[in-house]
Amino acid sequence: MAFIENMVVVHNLFSVTLRATLLSFEETNRYTYCPEMVLKNHQIWHIKGSNGIGKTSLLRFILNFIKKHDLSSIYLPHELGLFDHETLEAHAHFYQNLTPHYNPRQHPLWLAQHVHKKIFQLSRGLQQRAALSLRLSSDYLFWILDEPFTALDQEATMLLIECFLNHQELGGCIIFTHHGILPSQIQVSSLFLEQRG
């Protein structure tokens, strides 16, 4: 059970407050407690907690709430959502049709040298980079990302941080999960999920 206490949206300015969020796991009679979380423009939220605690469930809850209220968002699941037997160029064409004024080919993480390769031919790190370049448009206020730094090399990690900072400066809000240590260049609000019951 979870509820939103208040929400204010004025044009591209927003404030969403989530309070007393409980993620219930009936099969184990346990639940995860999420303290207050206020989503606003120019924010980056890092959701932390142990494996299986409900980080992805919380991301999906937030995503569903945002969609229900017609706020623009993009979601990158941990599974990436790419088609193994399609080329990177085919993916770019598909995503450009979804967001006509966004060209993923101009994204800093774009893999120009791999456009004609099929997704299954790319390493896990390159697949992650491809998925990020296809989705991270600042046309969307909310970026909701499940483990976006997974398998990225140092260069790609720095490019992603630069994308985060640019989106934040433009007034966007980023909510993401990550298990590792974050580079010092990125300042985030952290939310730690804990198991109770």
C-alpha atoms as a PDB file:
ATOM      1  CA  MET A   1       0.000   0.000   0.000  1.00  0.00           C
ATOM      2  CA  ALA A   2       1.303   3.429  -0.871  1.00  0.00           C
ATOM      3  CA  PHE A   3      -0.160   6.867  -1.199  1.00  0.00           C
ATOM      4  CA  ILE A   4       0.714  10.299  -2.477  1.00  0.00           C
ATOM      5  CA  GLU A   5       0.069  13.088  -0.010  1.00  0.00           C
ATOM      6  CA  ASN A   6       0.133  15.962  -2.441  1.00  0.00           C
ATOM      7  CA  MET A   7       1.099  16.881  -5.932  1.00  0.00           C
ATOM      8  CA  VAL A   8       1.523  20.277  -7.514  1.00  0.00           C
ATOM      9  CA  VAL A   9       2.213  20.679 -11.224  1.00  0.00           C
ATOM     10  CA  VAL A  10       2.473  24.071 -12.924  1.00  0.00           C
ATOM     11  CA  HIS A  11       3.633  23.849 -16.553  1.00  0.00           C
ATOM     12  CA  ASN A  12       7.086  22.263 -16.315  1.00  0.00           C
ATOM     13  CA  LEU A  13       7.438  22.884 -12.579  1.00  0.00           C
ATOM     14  CA  PHE A  14       6.335  20.099 -10.303  1.00  0.00           C
ATOM     15  CA  SER A  15       6.418  18.843  -6.742  1.00  0.00           C
ATOM     16  CA  VAL A  16       5.256  15.342  -5.815  1.00  0.00           C
ATOM     17  CA  THR A  17       5.357  14.118  -2.217  1.00  0.00           C
ATOM     18  CA  LEU A  18       5.264  10.388  -1.455  1.00  0.00           C
ATOM     19  CA  ARG A  19       4.680   9.532   2.198  1.00  0.00           C
ATOM     20  CA  ALA A  20       4.458   6.301   4.164  1.00  0.00           C
ATOM     21  CA  THR A  21       5.091   4.096   1.187  1.00  0.00           C
ATOM     22  CA  LEU A  22       4.795   0.416   2.060  1.00  0.00           C
ATOM     23  CA  LEU A  23       5.702  -2.283  -0.426  1.00  0.00           C
ATOM     24  CA  SER A  24       4.076  -5.520   0.711  1.00  0.00           C
ATOM     25  CA  PHE A  25       5.393  -9.010   0.027  1.00  0.00           C
ATOM     26  CA  GLU A  26       2.534 -11.360   0.997  1.00  0.00           C
ATOM     27  CA  GLU A  27       4.449 -14.598   0.425  1.00  0.00           C
ATOM     28  CA  THR A  28       6.916 -13.717   3.204  1.00  0.00           C
ATOM     29  CA  ASN A  29       4.663 -11.585   5.440  1.00  0.00           C
ATOM     30  CA  ARG A  30       7.244  -8.817   5.205  1.00  0.00           C
ATOM     31  CA  TYR A  31       7.092  -5.348   3.825  1.00  0.00           C
ATOM     32  CA  THR A  32       9.524  -2.681   2.789  1.00  0.00           C
ATOM     33  CA  TYR A  33       9.296   0.775   4.299  1.00  0.00           C
ATOM     34  CA  CYS A  34      10.124   3.812   2.194  1.00  0.00           C
ATOM     35  CA  PRO A  35      10.456   7.120   4.076  1.00  0.00           C
ATOM     36  CA  GLU A  36       9.147  10.404   2.709  1.00  0.00           C
ATOM     37  CA  MET A  37      10.309  11.279  -0.763  1.00  0.00           C
ATOM     38  CA  VAL A  38       9.689  14.655  -2.412  1.00  0.00           C
ATOM     39  CA  LEU A  39      10.250  14.764  -6.172  1.00  0.00           C
ATOM     40  CA  LYS A  40      10.924  18.217  -7.590  1.00  0.00           C
ATOM     41  CA  ASN A  41      12.585  19.856 -10.560  1.00  0.00           C
ATOM     42  CA  HIS A  42      16.401  19.814 -10.594  1.00  0.00           C
ATOM     43  CA  GLN A  43      16.616  16.680  -8.403  1.00  0.00           C
ATOM     44  CA  ILE A  44      18.493  13.404  -8.627  1.00  0.00           C
ATOM     45  CA  TRP A  45      17.305  10.598  -6.339  1.00  0.00           C
ATOM     46  CA  HIS A  46      19.355   7.477  -5.633  1.00  0.00           C
ATOM     47  CA  ILE A  47      17.250   4.605  -4.240  1.00  0.00           C
ATOM     48  CA  LYS A  48      19.331   2.211  -2.170  1.00  0.00           C
ATOM     49  CA  GLY A  49      18.725  -1.053  -0.386  1.00  0.00           C
ATOM     50  CA  SER A  50      19.674  -4.701  -0.404  1.00  0.00           C
ATOM     51  CA  ASN A  51      18.781  -7.089  -3.227  1.00  0.00           C
ATOM     52  CA  GLY A  52      15.101  -8.026  -3.231  1.00  0.00           C
ATOM     53  CA  ILE A  53      14.095  -5.159  -0.933  1.00  0.00           C
ATOM     54  CA  GLY A  54      11.722  -3.570  -3.487  1.00  0.00           C
ATOM     55  CA  LYS A  55      13.747  -0.892  -5.287  1.00  0.00           C
ATOM     56  CA  THR A  56      12.381  -1.872  -8.703  1.00  0.00           C
ATOM     57  CA  SER A  57       8.852  -2.111  -7.279  1.00  0.00           C
ATOM     58  CA  LEU A  58       9.157   1.430  -5.956  1.00  0.00           C
ATOM     59  CA  LEU A  59      10.424   2.671  -9.336  1.00  0.00           C
ATOM     60  CA  ARG A  60       7.422   1.072 -11.053  1.00  0.00           C
ATOM     61  CA  PHE A  61       5.025   2.551  -8.500  1.00  0.00           C
ATOM     62  CA  ILE A  62       6.458   6.029  -9.130  1.00  0.00           C
ATOM     63  CA  LEU A  63       6.320   5.471 -12.899  1.00  0.00           C
ATOM     64  CA  ASN A  64       2.673   4.404 -12.786  1.00  0.00           C
ATOM     65  CA  PHE A  65       1.760   7.412 -10.670  1.00  0.00           C
ATOM     66  CA  ILE A  66       3.546   9.786 -13.034  1.00  0.00           C
ATOM     67  CA  LYS A  67       1.851   8.251 -16.092  1.00  0.00           C
ATOM     68  CA  LYS A  68      -1.550   8.386 -14.397  1.00  0.00           C
ATOM     69  CA  HIS A  69      -1.122  12.155 -13.991  1.00  0.00           C
ATOM     70  CA  ASP A  70       0.163  12.732 -17.535  1.00  0.00           C
ATOM     71  CA  LEU A  71       3.632  13.817 -16.460  1.00  0.00           C
ATOM     72  CA  SER A  72       6.254  13.006 -19.051  1.00  0.00           C
ATOM     73  CA  SER A  73       8.604  10.174 -18.160  1.00  0.00           C
ATOM     74  CA  ILE A  74      10.940   7.599 -19.595  1.00  0.00           C
ATOM     75  CA  TYR A  75      11.702   4.283 -17.907  1.00  0.00           C
ATOM     76  CA  LEU A  76      14.774   2.119 -18.407  1.00  0.00           C
ATOM     77  CA  PRO A  77      14.248  -1.325 -16.865  1.00  0.00           C
ATOM     78  CA  HIS A  78      17.125  -3.460 -15.694  1.00  0.00           C
ATOM     79  CA  GLU A  79      16.337  -5.817 -18.607  1.00  0.00           C
ATOM     80  CA  LEU A  80      16.931  -2.892 -21.083  1.00  0.00           C
ATOM     81  CA  GLY A  81      13.991  -3.695 -23.389  1.00  0.00           C
ATOM     82  CA  LEU A  82      16.052  -4.083 -26.561  1.00  0.00           C
ATOM     83  CA  PHE A  83      15.347  -6.511 -29.413  1.00  0.00           C
ATOM     84  CA  ASP A  84      18.297  -8.888 -29.753  1.00  0.00           C
ATOM     85  CA  HIS A  85      17.933  -9.466 -33.495  1.00  0.00           C
ATOM     86  CA  GLU A  86      17.426  -5.824 -34.504  1.00  0.00           C
ATOM     87  CA  THR A  87      20.232  -3.415 -35.297  1.00  0.00           C
ATOM     88  CA  LEU A  88      21.049  -0.360 -33.258  1.00  0.00           C
ATOM     89  CA  GLU A  89      20.010   1.776 -36.244  1.00  0.00           C
ATOM     90  CA  ALA A  90      16.584   0.078 -36.340  1.00  0.00           C
ATOM     91  CA  HIS A  91      16.161   0.867 -32.646  1.00  0.00           C
ATOM     92  CA  ALA A  92      17.131   4.499 -33.257  1.00  0.00           C
ATOM     93  CA  HIS A  93      14.528   4.786 -36.016  1.00  0.00           C
ATOM     94  CA  PHE A  94      11.854   3.317 -33.714  1.00  0.00           C
ATOM     95  CA  TYR A  95      12.642   5.676 -30.818  1.00  0.00           C
ATOM     96  CA  GLN A  96      12.865   8.697 -33.092  1.00  0.00           C
ATOM     97  CA  ASN A  97       9.317   7.944 -34.240  1.00  0.00           C
ATOM     98  CA  LEU A  98       8.208   7.972 -30.590  1.00  0.00           C
ATOM     99  CA  THR A  99       9.873  11.328 -29.899  1.00  0.00           C
ATOM    100  CA  PRO A 100      10.219  13.075 -33.290  1.00  0.00           C
ATOM    101  CA  HIS A 101      12.353  16.016 -32.144  1.00  0.00           C
ATOM    102  CA  TYR A 102      14.791  13.728 -30.311  1.00  0.00           C
ATOM    103  CA  ASN A 103      17.537  12.133 -32.358  1.00  0.00           C
ATOM    104  CA  PRO A 104      19.315   9.395 -30.367  1.00  0.00           C
ATOM    105  CA  ARG A 105      22.132   9.513 -32.934  1.00  0.00           C
ATOM    106  CA  GLN A 106      23.183  12.855 -31.416  1.00  0.00           C
ATOM    107  CA  HIS A 107      23.252  11.564 -27.841  1.00  0.00           C
ATOM    108  CA  PRO A 108      26.710  11.534 -26.160  1.00  0.00           C
ATOM    109  CA  LEU A 109      26.352   7.793 -25.427  1.00  0.00           C
ATOM    110  CA  TRP A 110      25.447   6.896 -29.037  1.00  0.00           C
ATOM    111  CA  LEU A 111      27.566   4.113 -30.548  1.00  0.00           C
ATOM    112  CA  ALA A 112      28.089   5.350 -34.116  1.00  0.00           C
ATOM    113  CA  GLN A 113      30.627   2.630 -34.902  1.00  0.00           C
ATOM    114  CA  HIS A 114      28.078  -0.112 -34.036  1.00  0.00           C
ATOM    115  CA  VAL A 115      24.916   1.086 -35.827  1.00  0.00           C
ATOM    116  CA  HIS A 116      24.683  -1.904 -38.161  1.00  0.00           C
ATOM    117  CA  LYS A 117      25.296  -4.516 -35.477  1.00  0.00           C
ATOM    118  CA  LYS A 118      22.457  -6.470 -33.969  1.00  0.00           C
ATOM    119  CA  ILE A 119      21.972  -6.062 -30.242  1.00  0.00           C
ATOM    120  CA  PHE A 120      23.052  -9.620 -29.424  1.00  0.00           C
ATOM    121  CA  GLN A 121      26.415  -8.865 -31.070  1.00  0.00           C
ATOM    122  CA  LEU A 122      27.173  -6.119 -28.532  1.00  0.00           C
ATOM    123  CA  SER A 123      28.735  -6.662 -25.107  1.00  0.00           C
ATOM    124  CA  ARG A 124      26.520  -6.104 -22.044  1.00  0.00           C
ATOM    125  CA  GLY A 125      28.181  -2.735 -21.445  1.00  0.00           C
ATOM    126  CA  LEU A 126      27.543  -1.597 -25.029  1.00  0.00           C
ATOM    127  CA  GLN A 127      23.936  -2.804 -24.806  1.00  0.00           C
ATOM    128  CA  GLN A 128      23.505  -0.703 -21.662  1.00  0.00           C
ATOM    129  CA  ARG A 129      25.028   2.296 -23.391  1.00  0.00           C
ATOM    130  CA  ALA A 130      22.777   1.781 -26.430  1.00  0.00           C
ATOM    131  CA  ALA A 131      19.635   1.579 -24.276  1.00  0.00           C
ATOM    132  CA  LEU A 132      20.565   4.778 -22.449  1.00  0.00           C
ATOM    133  CA  SER A 133      21.280   6.697 -25.660  1.00  0.00           C
ATOM    134  CA  LEU A 134      17.936   5.610 -27.112  1.00  0.00           C
ATOM    135  CA  ARG A 135      15.869   6.749 -24.130  1.00  0.00           C
ATOM    136  CA  LEU A 136      17.507   9.642 -22.308  1.00  0.00           C
ATOM    137  CA  SER A 137      15.796  12.595 -23.912  1.00  0.00           C
ATOM    138  CA  SER A 138      15.329  15.785 -21.914  1.00  0.00           C
ATOM    139  CA  ASP A 139      11.883  16.040 -23.491  1.00  0.00           C
ATOM    140  CA  TYR A 140      10.855  13.872 -20.542  1.00  0.00           C
ATOM    141  CA  LEU A 141      10.748  15.514 -17.106  1.00  0.00           C
ATOM    142  CA  PHE A 142      11.253  12.244 -15.247  1.00  0.00           C
ATOM    143  CA  TRP A 143      14.005   9.737 -15.970  1.00  0.00           C
ATOM    144  CA  ILE A 144      13.309   6.547 -14.018  1.00  0.00           C
ATOM    145  CA  LEU A 145      16.279   4.226 -14.367  1.00  0.00           C
ATOM    146  CA  ASP A 146      16.843   0.775 -12.894  1.00  0.00           C
ATOM    147  CA  GLU A 147      20.601   0.214 -12.480  1.00  0.00           C
ATOM    148  CA  PRO A 148      21.699   2.566 -15.298  1.00  0.00           C
ATOM    149  CA  PHE A 149      25.427   2.255 -14.474  1.00  0.00           C
ATOM    150  CA  THR A 150      25.467  -1.552 -14.843  1.00  0.00           C
ATOM    151  CA  ALA A 151      28.391  -2.815 -16.987  1.00  0.00           C
ATOM    152  CA  LEU A 152      29.411   0.681 -18.151  1.00  0.00           C
ATOM    153  CA  ASP A 153      33.111   1.374 -18.550  1.00  0.00           C
ATOM    154  CA  GLN A 154      34.675   4.493 -17.066  1.00  0.00           C
ATOM    155  CA  GLU A 155      34.189   6.604 -20.210  1.00  0.00           C
ATOM    156  CA  ALA A 156      30.500   5.698 -20.493  1.00  0.00           C
ATOM    157  CA  THR A 157      30.002   6.266 -16.751  1.00  0.00           C
ATOM    158  CA  MET A 158      31.398   9.798 -17.045  1.00  0.00           C
ATOM    159  CA  LEU A 159      29.214  10.490 -20.108  1.00  0.00           C
ATOM    160  CA  LEU A 160      26.138   9.281 -18.219  1.00  0.00           C
ATOM    161  CA  ILE A 161      26.970  11.527 -15.258  1.00  0.00           C
ATOM    162  CA  GLU A 162      27.277  14.445 -17.659  1.00  0.00           C
ATOM    163  CA  CYS A 163      23.820  13.559 -19.047  1.00  0.00           C
ATOM    164  CA  PHE A 164      22.419  13.452 -15.498  1.00  0.00           C
ATOM    165  CA  LEU A 165      23.837  16.871 -14.677  1.00  0.00           C
ATOM    166  CA  ASN A 166      22.545  18.395 -17.924  1.00  0.00           C
ATOM    167  CA  HIS A 167      19.054  17.000 -17.354  1.00  0.00           C
ATOM    168  CA  GLN A 168      19.082  18.269 -13.768  1.00  0.00           C
ATOM    169  CA  GLU A 169      20.128  21.732 -14.939  1.00  0.00           C
ATOM    170  CA  LEU A 170      17.273  21.758 -17.473  1.00  0.00           C
ATOM    171  CA  GLY A 171      14.784  21.152 -14.638  1.00  0.00           C
ATOM    172  CA  GLY A 172      14.400  17.400 -14.911  1.00  0.00           C
ATOM    173  CA  CYS A 173      14.151  14.839 -12.132  1.00  0.00           C
ATOM    174  CA  ILE A 174      16.078  11.557 -12.151  1.00  0.00           C
ATOM    175  CA  ILE A 175      15.225   8.585  -9.951  1.00  0.00           C
ATOM    176  CA  PHE A 176      17.568   5.620 -10.178  1.00  0.00           C
ATOM    177  CA  THR A 177      18.844   2.547  -8.394  1.00  0.00           C
ATOM    178  CA  HIS A 178      22.513   1.605  -8.152  1.00  0.00           C
ATOM    179  CA  HIS A 179      24.455  -0.872  -6.017  1.00  0.00           C
ATOM    180  CA  GLY A 180      27.951   0.513  -6.395  1.00  0.00           C
ATOM    181  CA  ILE A 181      29.701   3.641  -5.202  1.00  0.00           C
ATOM    182  CA  LEU A 182      28.733   6.763  -7.097  1.00  0.00           C
ATOM    183  CA  PRO A 183      31.400   9.060  -8.537  1.00  0.00           C
ATOM    184  CA  SER A 184      31.891  12.251  -6.549  1.00  0.00           C
ATOM    185  CA  GLN A 185      30.872  14.487  -9.495  1.00  0.00           C
ATOM    186  CA  ILE A 186      27.218  13.673  -8.944  1.00  0.00           C
ATOM    187  CA  GLN A 187      25.296  15.020  -5.938  1.00  0.00           C
ATOM    188  CA  VAL A 188      22.171  13.044  -5.132  1.00  0.00           C
ATOM    189  CA  SER A 189      19.412  12.759  -2.575  1.00  0.00           C
ATOM    190  CA  SER A 190      19.515   9.221  -1.210  1.00  0.00           C
ATOM    191  CA  LEU A 191      16.592   7.085  -0.120  1.00  0.00           C
ATOM    192  CA  PHE A 192      17.303   3.877   1.771  1.00  0.00           C
ATOM    193  CA  LEU A 193      14.655   1.143   1.737  1.00  0.00           C
ATOM    194  CA  GLU A 194      14.517  -1.120   4.772  1.00  0.00           C
ATOM    195  CA  GLN A 195      12.716  -4.378   5.411  1.00  0.00           C
ATOM    196  CA  ARG A 196      10.293  -4.653   8.292  1.00  0.00           C
ATOM    197  CA  GLY A 197       7.916  -7.246   9.607  1.00  0.00           C
END
